[in-house]
Amino acid sequence: MVIAIIAVLAAMLLPALSKARQQARTTACLNNLRQLQLAYMLYVGDHRDELPQNDSVLEVDNNGDGTFSPGVSWCPGDVRRDPTTTNIQNGVLFPYNRTVGIYRCPADPGKVPLENGGFAPRTRSYNLSIWLNAQITDGSGAYAKLTEVNDPGISDCQAFVEVHEDTIADATFGLYPEGYGFYGDHWLDVPADRHNQGGTLSFLDGHVERYRWRTTKKGIAISDLATEPDNRSDMRKLQKTIPSLKTVAERQGF
């Protein structure tokens, strides 16, 4: 009888404990983004309004061994190949917060292979918007200074985005506005959905949010067309946090 009662109590408590653990991980993830956003703004204040470098792996000087020279980006490297935190420490934000743990969501299941054949947790779960001082080969028209940001305003402009473990690689989050040809309807990077089918992001005014998605992001590959209505709706929601097609066209000189 005692065992039966314990079993019933356990069955009642386990869902609550699971929910509490999930909520704790979401809270920790949001706090990570607050810390990263604070470091970001401290950098801006120290560099006369200039936004931190945000170059993709394709644009920075690779040392040839999977590591990158200090100061080339807010976080250089390819997280799929980074078994250590060296690239995080070489990022321009690291001097403002030397805690490497804030670069990784505690719910991120992503692993990186080790030379000995084992695996270790990835070191980073977040990317920075491609519209914030990213040097992209097509001339993206990204903002270089904080005072340039006006569409959307800083309270609605995405900065760091939690990225799905199946697609994260370098540290830039690529998303183009609706109507921007091929790229306006295709996922270049995919947001995470590990917080009760939601993902976290920060904004330039310093606040952070959890976005609840209409549909799972699992199984979406880079450059996939957002055809399914709920998936398309999620993309449109996120596109409201980046410059409009009109602003992008003006900044690119179209």
C-alpha atoms as a PDB file:
ATOM      1  CA  MET A   1       0.000   0.000   0.000  1.00  0.00           C
ATOM      2  CA  VAL A   2       2.817   2.416   0.913  1.00  0.00           C
ATOM      3  CA  ILE A   3       4.588   1.697  -2.363  1.00  0.00           C
ATOM      4  CA  ALA A   4       1.374   2.291  -4.300  1.00  0.00           C
ATOM      5  CA  ILE A   5       0.851   5.647  -2.569  1.00  0.00           C
ATOM      6  CA  ILE A   6       4.446   6.675  -3.335  1.00  0.00           C
ATOM      7  CA  ALA A   7       3.952   5.714  -6.964  1.00  0.00           C
ATOM      8  CA  VAL A   8       0.804   7.831  -7.209  1.00  0.00           C
ATOM      9  CA  LEU A   9       2.507  10.805  -5.568  1.00  0.00           C
ATOM     10  CA  ALA A  10       5.485  10.459  -7.890  1.00  0.00           C
ATOM     11  CA  ALA A  11       3.204  10.380 -10.934  1.00  0.00           C
ATOM     12  CA  MET A  12       1.567  13.585  -9.703  1.00  0.00           C
ATOM     13  CA  LEU A  13       4.817  15.381  -8.872  1.00  0.00           C
ATOM     14  CA  LEU A  14       6.971  14.488 -11.876  1.00  0.00           C
ATOM     15  CA  PRO A  15       5.087  16.667 -14.417  1.00  0.00           C
ATOM     16  CA  ALA A  16       5.257  19.611 -12.018  1.00  0.00           C
ATOM     17  CA  LEU A  17       8.974  19.065 -11.461  1.00  0.00           C
ATOM     18  CA  SER A  18       9.567  18.795 -15.205  1.00  0.00           C
ATOM     19  CA  LYS A  19       7.669  22.037 -15.797  1.00  0.00           C
ATOM     20  CA  ALA A  20       9.632  23.789 -13.047  1.00  0.00           C
ATOM     21  CA  ARG A  21      12.934  22.587 -14.505  1.00  0.00           C
ATOM     22  CA  GLN A  22      11.917  23.794 -17.961  1.00  0.00           C
ATOM     23  CA  GLN A  23      10.904  27.182 -16.571  1.00  0.00           C
ATOM     24  CA  ALA A  24      14.225  27.467 -14.732  1.00  0.00           C
ATOM     25  CA  ARG A  25      16.130  26.814 -17.948  1.00  0.00           C
ATOM     26  CA  THR A  26      14.089  29.443 -19.796  1.00  0.00           C
ATOM     27  CA  THR A  27      14.776  31.963 -17.044  1.00  0.00           C
ATOM     28  CA  ALA A  28      18.497  31.169 -17.170  1.00  0.00           C
ATOM     29  CA  CYS A  29      18.497  31.546 -20.958  1.00  0.00           C
ATOM     30  CA  LEU A  30      16.820  34.953 -20.733  1.00  0.00           C
ATOM     31  CA  ASN A  31      19.331  36.020 -18.108  1.00  0.00           C
ATOM     32  CA  ASN A  32      22.185  34.985 -20.419  1.00  0.00           C
ATOM     33  CA  LEU A  33      20.799  37.294 -23.085  1.00  0.00           C
ATOM     34  CA  ARG A  34      20.476  40.158 -20.594  1.00  0.00           C
ATOM     35  CA  GLN A  35      24.148  39.768 -19.724  1.00  0.00           C
ATOM     36  CA  LEU A  36      25.204  39.589 -23.370  1.00  0.00           C
ATOM     37  CA  GLN A  37      23.091  42.625 -24.213  1.00  0.00           C
ATOM     38  CA  LEU A  38      24.633  44.575 -21.335  1.00  0.00           C
ATOM     39  CA  ALA A  39      28.135  43.686 -22.546  1.00  0.00           C
ATOM     40  CA  TYR A  40      27.063  44.743 -26.032  1.00  0.00           C
ATOM     41  CA  MET A  41      25.905  48.165 -24.857  1.00  0.00           C
ATOM     42  CA  LEU A  42      29.030  48.686 -22.737  1.00  0.00           C
ATOM     43  CA  TYR A  43      31.078  48.103 -25.879  1.00  0.00           C
ATOM     44  CA  VAL A  44      28.970  50.671 -27.776  1.00  0.00           C
ATOM     45  CA  GLY A  45      29.508  53.195 -25.000  1.00  0.00           C
ATOM     46  CA  ASP A  46      33.275  52.666 -25.084  1.00  0.00           C
ATOM     47  CA  HIS A  47      33.507  52.945 -28.889  1.00  0.00           C
ATOM     48  CA  ARG A  48      31.689  56.198 -29.624  1.00  0.00           C
ATOM     49  CA  ASP A  49      28.400  54.612 -30.673  1.00  0.00           C
ATOM     50  CA  GLU A  50      29.999  51.993 -32.965  1.00  0.00           C
ATOM     51  CA  LEU A  51      28.295  48.594 -32.847  1.00  0.00           C
ATOM     52  CA  PRO A  52      30.435  45.519 -32.127  1.00  0.00           C
ATOM     53  CA  GLN A  53      31.865  43.723 -35.147  1.00  0.00           C
ATOM     54  CA  ASN A  54      29.557  40.973 -36.322  1.00  0.00           C
ATOM     55  CA  ASP A  55      31.371  39.254 -39.174  1.00  0.00           C
ATOM     56  CA  SER A  56      30.499  35.757 -40.276  1.00  0.00           C
ATOM     57  CA  VAL A  57      33.044  32.964 -40.512  1.00  0.00           C
ATOM     58  CA  LEU A  58      33.218  33.590 -44.257  1.00  0.00           C
ATOM     59  CA  GLU A  59      34.320  37.198 -43.718  1.00  0.00           C
ATOM     60  CA  VAL A  60      36.958  37.038 -40.990  1.00  0.00           C
ATOM     61  CA  ASP A  61      40.620  36.070 -41.209  1.00  0.00           C
ATOM     62  CA  ASN A  62      40.796  32.393 -40.349  1.00  0.00           C
ATOM     63  CA  ASN A  63      44.055  31.293 -38.737  1.00  0.00           C
ATOM     64  CA  GLY A  64      43.710  28.056 -40.645  1.00  0.00           C
ATOM     65  CA  ASP A  65      43.221  25.842 -37.613  1.00  0.00           C
ATOM     66  CA  GLY A  66      39.623  26.578 -36.654  1.00  0.00           C
ATOM     67  CA  THR A  67      40.560  29.490 -34.377  1.00  0.00           C
ATOM     68  CA  PHE A  68      40.326  33.183 -35.111  1.00  0.00           C
ATOM     69  CA  SER A  69      42.381  36.237 -34.275  1.00  0.00           C
ATOM     70  CA  PRO A  70      41.130  38.357 -31.350  1.00  0.00           C
ATOM     71  CA  GLY A  71      38.910  41.318 -32.165  1.00  0.00           C
ATOM     72  CA  VAL A  72      37.499  40.190 -35.517  1.00  0.00           C
ATOM     73  CA  SER A  73      33.910  39.688 -34.310  1.00  0.00           C
ATOM     74  CA  TRP A  74      31.699  39.699 -31.239  1.00  0.00           C
ATOM     75  CA  CYS A  75      32.196  35.925 -31.242  1.00  0.00           C
ATOM     76  CA  PRO A  76      34.268  34.419 -34.068  1.00  0.00           C
ATOM     77  CA  GLY A  77      34.294  30.768 -34.987  1.00  0.00           C
ATOM     78  CA  ASP A  78      31.996  27.935 -35.995  1.00  0.00           C
ATOM     79  CA  VAL A  79      30.242  26.524 -32.935  1.00  0.00           C
ATOM     80  CA  ARG A  80      29.996  23.121 -34.623  1.00  0.00           C
ATOM     81  CA  ARG A  81      33.801  22.907 -34.582  1.00  0.00           C
ATOM     82  CA  ASP A  82      34.637  24.762 -31.349  1.00  0.00           C
ATOM     83  CA  PRO A  83      35.546  22.226 -28.640  1.00  0.00           C
ATOM     84  CA  THR A  84      36.874  24.995 -26.353  1.00  0.00           C
ATOM     85  CA  THR A  85      35.861  28.542 -25.427  1.00  0.00           C
ATOM     86  CA  THR A  86      38.878  30.091 -27.190  1.00  0.00           C
ATOM     87  CA  ASN A  87      36.790  31.766 -29.878  1.00  0.00           C
ATOM     88  CA  ILE A  88      34.406  33.191 -27.276  1.00  0.00           C
ATOM     89  CA  GLN A  89      37.372  34.630 -25.400  1.00  0.00           C
ATOM     90  CA  ASN A  90      38.685  36.164 -28.636  1.00  0.00           C
ATOM     91  CA  GLY A  91      35.388  37.993 -29.192  1.00  0.00           C
ATOM     92  CA  VAL A  92      35.188  41.753 -28.670  1.00  0.00           C
ATOM     93  CA  LEU A  93      32.469  41.381 -25.999  1.00  0.00           C
ATOM     94  CA  PHE A  94      34.406  39.023 -23.731  1.00  0.00           C
ATOM     95  CA  PRO A  95      36.300  41.783 -21.839  1.00  0.00           C
ATOM     96  CA  TYR A  96      32.928  43.164 -20.690  1.00  0.00           C
ATOM     97  CA  ASN A  97      31.753  39.872 -19.196  1.00  0.00           C
ATOM     98  CA  ARG A  98      34.276  37.085 -18.799  1.00  0.00           C
ATOM     99  CA  THR A  99      31.712  34.396 -17.956  1.00  0.00           C
ATOM    100  CA  VAL A 100      31.707  31.939 -20.866  1.00  0.00           C
ATOM    101  CA  GLY A 101      28.514  30.280 -19.610  1.00  0.00           C
ATOM    102  CA  ILE A 102      26.328  33.200 -20.719  1.00  0.00           C
ATOM    103  CA  TYR A 103      26.930  32.227 -24.353  1.00  0.00           C
ATOM    104  CA  ARG A 104      25.069  28.929 -23.992  1.00  0.00           C
ATOM    105  CA  CYS A 105      21.442  28.107 -23.192  1.00  0.00           C
ATOM    106  CA  PRO A 106      21.252  25.402 -20.473  1.00  0.00           C
ATOM    107  CA  ALA A 107      18.570  23.611 -22.519  1.00  0.00           C
ATOM    108  CA  ASP A 108      20.705  23.441 -25.678  1.00  0.00           C
ATOM    109  CA  PRO A 109      21.259  19.747 -26.554  1.00  0.00           C
ATOM    110  CA  GLY A 110      23.883  20.503 -29.218  1.00  0.00           C
ATOM    111  CA  LYS A 111      27.199  18.636 -29.046  1.00  0.00           C
ATOM    112  CA  VAL A 112      30.601  19.152 -30.631  1.00  0.00           C
ATOM    113  CA  PRO A 113      32.841  16.172 -31.479  1.00  0.00           C
ATOM    114  CA  LEU A 114      36.150  15.856 -29.659  1.00  0.00           C
ATOM    115  CA  GLU A 115      39.437  14.574 -31.048  1.00  0.00           C
ATOM    116  CA  ASN A 116      39.293  11.546 -28.758  1.00  0.00           C
ATOM    117  CA  GLY A 117      35.994  10.478 -30.275  1.00  0.00           C
ATOM    118  CA  GLY A 118      33.774  11.773 -27.506  1.00  0.00           C
ATOM    119  CA  PHE A 119      31.413  14.729 -27.439  1.00  0.00           C
ATOM    120  CA  ALA A 120      31.085  17.897 -25.385  1.00  0.00           C
ATOM    121  CA  PRO A 121      28.284  20.476 -25.078  1.00  0.00           C
ATOM    122  CA  ARG A 122      28.536  23.258 -27.625  1.00  0.00           C
ATOM    123  CA  THR A 123      29.876  26.525 -26.280  1.00  0.00           C
ATOM    124  CA  ARG A 124      27.334  28.929 -27.850  1.00  0.00           C
ATOM    125  CA  SER A 125      23.561  28.991 -28.472  1.00  0.00           C
ATOM    126  CA  TYR A 126      23.063  32.571 -29.676  1.00  0.00           C
ATOM    127  CA  ASN A 127      23.656  34.581 -32.846  1.00  0.00           C
ATOM    128  CA  LEU A 128      23.616  38.334 -33.465  1.00  0.00           C
ATOM    129  CA  SER A 129      21.352  39.932 -36.071  1.00  0.00           C
ATOM    130  CA  ILE A 130      22.892  40.277 -39.521  1.00  0.00           C
ATOM    131  CA  TRP A 131      21.626  43.891 -39.561  1.00  0.00           C
ATOM    132  CA  LEU A 132      23.999  44.959 -36.783  1.00  0.00           C
ATOM    133  CA  ASN A 133      27.434  45.761 -38.226  1.00  0.00           C
ATOM    134  CA  ALA A 134      27.828  42.556 -40.237  1.00  0.00           C
ATOM    135  CA  GLN A 135      30.140  42.730 -43.240  1.00  0.00           C
ATOM    136  CA  ILE A 136      28.290  40.590 -45.759  1.00  0.00           C
ATOM    137  CA  THR A 137      29.528  40.072 -49.301  1.00  0.00           C
ATOM    138  CA  ASP A 138      26.350  41.398 -50.956  1.00  0.00           C
ATOM    139  CA  GLY A 139      26.521  44.703 -49.063  1.00  0.00           C
ATOM    140  CA  SER A 140      23.643  44.119 -46.661  1.00  0.00           C
ATOM    141  CA  GLY A 141      23.335  47.732 -45.560  1.00  0.00           C
ATOM    142  CA  ALA A 142      23.694  46.753 -41.913  1.00  0.00           C
ATOM    143  CA  TYR A 143      23.651  49.436 -39.234  1.00  0.00           C
ATOM    144  CA  ALA A 144      27.157  50.427 -38.115  1.00  0.00           C
ATOM    145  CA  LYS A 145      26.222  52.785 -35.263  1.00  0.00           C
ATOM    146  CA  LEU A 146      23.506  52.668 -32.631  1.00  0.00           C
ATOM    147  CA  THR A 147      22.223  56.117 -33.610  1.00  0.00           C
ATOM    148  CA  GLU A 148      21.567  54.838 -37.156  1.00  0.00           C
ATOM    149  CA  VAL A 149      18.987  52.330 -35.926  1.00  0.00           C
ATOM    150  CA  ASN A 150      15.512  53.700 -36.648  1.00  0.00           C
ATOM    151  CA  ASP A 151      13.572  50.935 -38.434  1.00  0.00           C
ATOM    152  CA  PRO A 152      12.497  49.351 -36.225  1.00  0.00           C
ATOM    153  CA  GLY A 153      13.354  51.477 -33.189  1.00  0.00           C
ATOM    154  CA  ILE A 154      15.773  50.119 -30.622  1.00  0.00           C
ATOM    155  CA  SER A 155      12.981  48.743 -28.417  1.00  0.00           C
ATOM    156  CA  ASP A 156      11.768  46.530 -31.278  1.00  0.00           C
ATOM    157  CA  CYS A 157      15.072  45.792 -33.044  1.00  0.00           C
ATOM    158  CA  GLN A 158      16.432  42.285 -32.495  1.00  0.00           C
ATOM    159  CA  ALA A 159      19.987  41.844 -31.327  1.00  0.00           C
ATOM    160  CA  PHE A 160      20.803  38.340 -30.027  1.00  0.00           C
ATOM    161  CA  VAL A 161      18.669  35.417 -31.142  1.00  0.00           C
ATOM    162  CA  GLU A 162      18.638  31.904 -29.694  1.00  0.00           C
ATOM    163  CA  VAL A 163      19.322  29.597 -32.647  1.00  0.00           C
ATOM    164  CA  HIS A 164      18.101  26.059 -33.259  1.00  0.00           C
ATOM    165  CA  GLU A 165      20.755  23.446 -32.554  1.00  0.00           C
ATOM    166  CA  ASP A 166      20.259  21.856 -35.996  1.00  0.00           C
ATOM    167  CA  THR A 167      21.296  24.991 -37.918  1.00  0.00           C
ATOM    168  CA  ILE A 168      23.611  27.111 -35.753  1.00  0.00           C
ATOM    169  CA  ALA A 169      27.152  27.533 -37.091  1.00  0.00           C
ATOM    170  CA  ASP A 170      28.767  30.979 -37.188  1.00  0.00           C
ATOM    171  CA  ALA A 171      27.597  33.865 -34.998  1.00  0.00           C
ATOM    172  CA  THR A 172      25.426  35.929 -37.372  1.00  0.00           C
ATOM    173  CA  PHE A 173      21.640  35.457 -37.529  1.00  0.00           C
ATOM    174  CA  GLY A 174      20.534  35.838 -41.141  1.00  0.00           C
ATOM    175  CA  LEU A 175      16.961  36.963 -41.765  1.00  0.00           C
ATOM    176  CA  TYR A 176      15.782  39.256 -44.564  1.00  0.00           C
ATOM    177  CA  PRO A 177      12.551  41.285 -44.757  1.00  0.00           C
ATOM    178  CA  GLU A 178       9.387  40.103 -46.426  1.00  0.00           C
ATOM    179  CA  GLY A 179       9.539  40.843 -50.153  1.00  0.00           C
ATOM    180  CA  TYR A 180      13.335  40.578 -50.402  1.00  0.00           C
ATOM    181  CA  GLY A 181      13.270  38.113 -53.300  1.00  0.00           C
ATOM    182  CA  PHE A 182      14.295  34.548 -52.509  1.00  0.00           C
ATOM    183  CA  TYR A 183      15.552  35.469 -49.044  1.00  0.00           C
ATOM    184  CA  GLY A 184      12.320  37.090 -47.914  1.00  0.00           C
ATOM    185  CA  ASP A 185      10.557  33.721 -47.602  1.00  0.00           C
ATOM    186  CA  HIS A 186      13.428  31.362 -46.737  1.00  0.00           C
ATOM    187  CA  TRP A 187      15.034  30.619 -43.397  1.00  0.00           C
ATOM    188  CA  LEU A 188      18.753  31.436 -43.500  1.00  0.00           C
ATOM    189  CA  ASP A 189      19.064  30.752 -39.794  1.00  0.00           C
ATOM    190  CA  VAL A 190      16.361  29.058 -37.724  1.00  0.00           C
ATOM    191  CA  PRO A 191      15.289  30.218 -34.248  1.00  0.00           C
ATOM    192  CA  ALA A 192      15.318  27.762 -31.362  1.00  0.00           C
ATOM    193  CA  ASP A 193      12.097  26.177 -30.106  1.00  0.00           C
ATOM    194  CA  ARG A 194      13.344  24.394 -26.990  1.00  0.00           C
ATOM    195  CA  HIS A 195      11.447  26.522 -24.440  1.00  0.00           C
ATOM    196  CA  ASN A 196       7.956  25.025 -24.701  1.00  0.00           C
ATOM    197  CA  GLN A 197       8.068  25.564 -28.483  1.00  0.00           C
ATOM    198  CA  GLY A 198       9.580  28.992 -27.992  1.00  0.00           C
ATOM    199  CA  GLY A 199      12.902  30.776 -28.335  1.00  0.00           C
ATOM    200  CA  THR A 200      14.519  33.783 -26.697  1.00  0.00           C
ATOM    201  CA  LEU A 201      15.890  37.007 -28.135  1.00  0.00           C
ATOM    202  CA  SER A 202      17.196  40.350 -26.918  1.00  0.00           C
ATOM    203  CA  PHE A 203      16.548  43.871 -28.156  1.00  0.00           C
ATOM    204  CA  LEU A 204      18.758  46.932 -28.477  1.00  0.00           C
ATOM    205  CA  ASP A 205      17.059  48.739 -25.600  1.00  0.00           C
ATOM    206  CA  GLY A 206      18.236  45.924 -23.306  1.00  0.00           C
ATOM    207  CA  HIS A 207      15.038  43.955 -22.735  1.00  0.00           C
ATOM    208  CA  VAL A 208      14.652  40.260 -23.546  1.00  0.00           C
ATOM    209  CA  GLU A 209      11.661  38.160 -24.580  1.00  0.00           C
ATOM    210  CA  ARG A 210      10.588  34.594 -25.187  1.00  0.00           C
ATOM    211  CA  TYR A 211       8.755  34.208 -28.495  1.00  0.00           C
ATOM    212  CA  ARG A 212       6.249  31.356 -28.608  1.00  0.00           C
ATOM    213  CA  TRP A 213       6.157  29.807 -32.088  1.00  0.00           C
ATOM    214  CA  ARG A 214       3.043  28.500 -33.766  1.00  0.00           C
ATOM    215  CA  THR A 215       4.883  25.407 -34.969  1.00  0.00           C
ATOM    216  CA  THR A 216       8.050  23.448 -34.219  1.00  0.00           C
ATOM    217  CA  LYS A 217      11.289  24.466 -35.889  1.00  0.00           C
ATOM    218  CA  LYS A 218      12.728  20.959 -35.760  1.00  0.00           C
ATOM    219  CA  GLY A 219      13.587  19.587 -39.202  1.00  0.00           C
ATOM    220  CA  ILE A 220      13.905  22.975 -40.912  1.00  0.00           C
ATOM    221  CA  ALA A 221      17.146  23.262 -42.871  1.00  0.00           C
ATOM    222  CA  ILE A 222      19.054  26.366 -43.893  1.00  0.00           C
ATOM    223  CA  SER A 223      17.468  27.955 -47.007  1.00  0.00           C
ATOM    224  CA  ASP A 224      14.181  26.058 -46.522  1.00  0.00           C
ATOM    225  CA  LEU A 225      11.115  27.866 -47.838  1.00  0.00           C
ATOM    226  CA  ALA A 226       8.578  28.744 -45.143  1.00  0.00           C
ATOM    227  CA  THR A 227       5.560  27.283 -46.948  1.00  0.00           C
ATOM    228  CA  GLU A 228       3.435  25.944 -44.094  1.00  0.00           C
ATOM    229  CA  PRO A 229       1.098  28.729 -42.843  1.00  0.00           C
ATOM    230  CA  ASP A 230       2.095  28.593 -39.166  1.00  0.00           C
ATOM    231  CA  ASN A 231       5.790  28.456 -40.043  1.00  0.00           C
ATOM    232  CA  ARG A 232       5.335  31.426 -42.392  1.00  0.00           C
ATOM    233  CA  SER A 233       3.518  33.304 -39.621  1.00  0.00           C
ATOM    234  CA  ASP A 234       6.449  32.695 -37.272  1.00  0.00           C
ATOM    235  CA  MET A 235       8.843  34.073 -39.878  1.00  0.00           C
ATOM    236  CA  ARG A 236       6.710  37.185 -40.373  1.00  0.00           C
ATOM    237  CA  LYS A 237       6.643  37.753 -36.610  1.00  0.00           C
ATOM    238  CA  LEU A 238      10.425  37.657 -36.459  1.00  0.00           C
ATOM    239  CA  GLN A 239      10.766  39.839 -39.561  1.00  0.00           C
ATOM    240  CA  LYS A 240       9.047  42.637 -37.648  1.00  0.00           C
ATOM    241  CA  THR A 241      12.210  42.891 -35.537  1.00  0.00           C
ATOM    242  CA  ILE A 242      14.511  43.684 -38.490  1.00  0.00           C
ATOM    243  CA  PRO A 243      14.623  46.611 -40.978  1.00  0.00           C
ATOM    244  CA  SER A 244      11.765  46.836 -43.463  1.00  0.00           C
ATOM    245  CA  LEU A 245      12.198  46.172 -47.173  1.00  0.00           C
ATOM    246  CA  LYS A 246      12.064  49.936 -47.843  1.00  0.00           C
ATOM    247  CA  THR A 247      14.876  50.663 -45.388  1.00  0.00           C
ATOM    248  CA  VAL A 248      17.009  47.786 -46.673  1.00  0.00           C
ATOM    249  CA  ALA A 249      16.570  48.998 -50.251  1.00  0.00           C
ATOM    250  CA  GLU A 250      17.566  52.531 -49.265  1.00  0.00           C
ATOM    251  CA  ARG A 251      20.629  51.377 -47.340  1.00  0.00           C
ATOM    252  CA  GLN A 252      21.734  49.116 -50.173  1.00  0.00           C
ATOM    253  CA  GLY A 253      21.249  51.903 -52.697  1.00  0.00           C
ATOM    254  CA  PHE A 254      18.438  50.294 -54.717  1.00  0.00           C
END
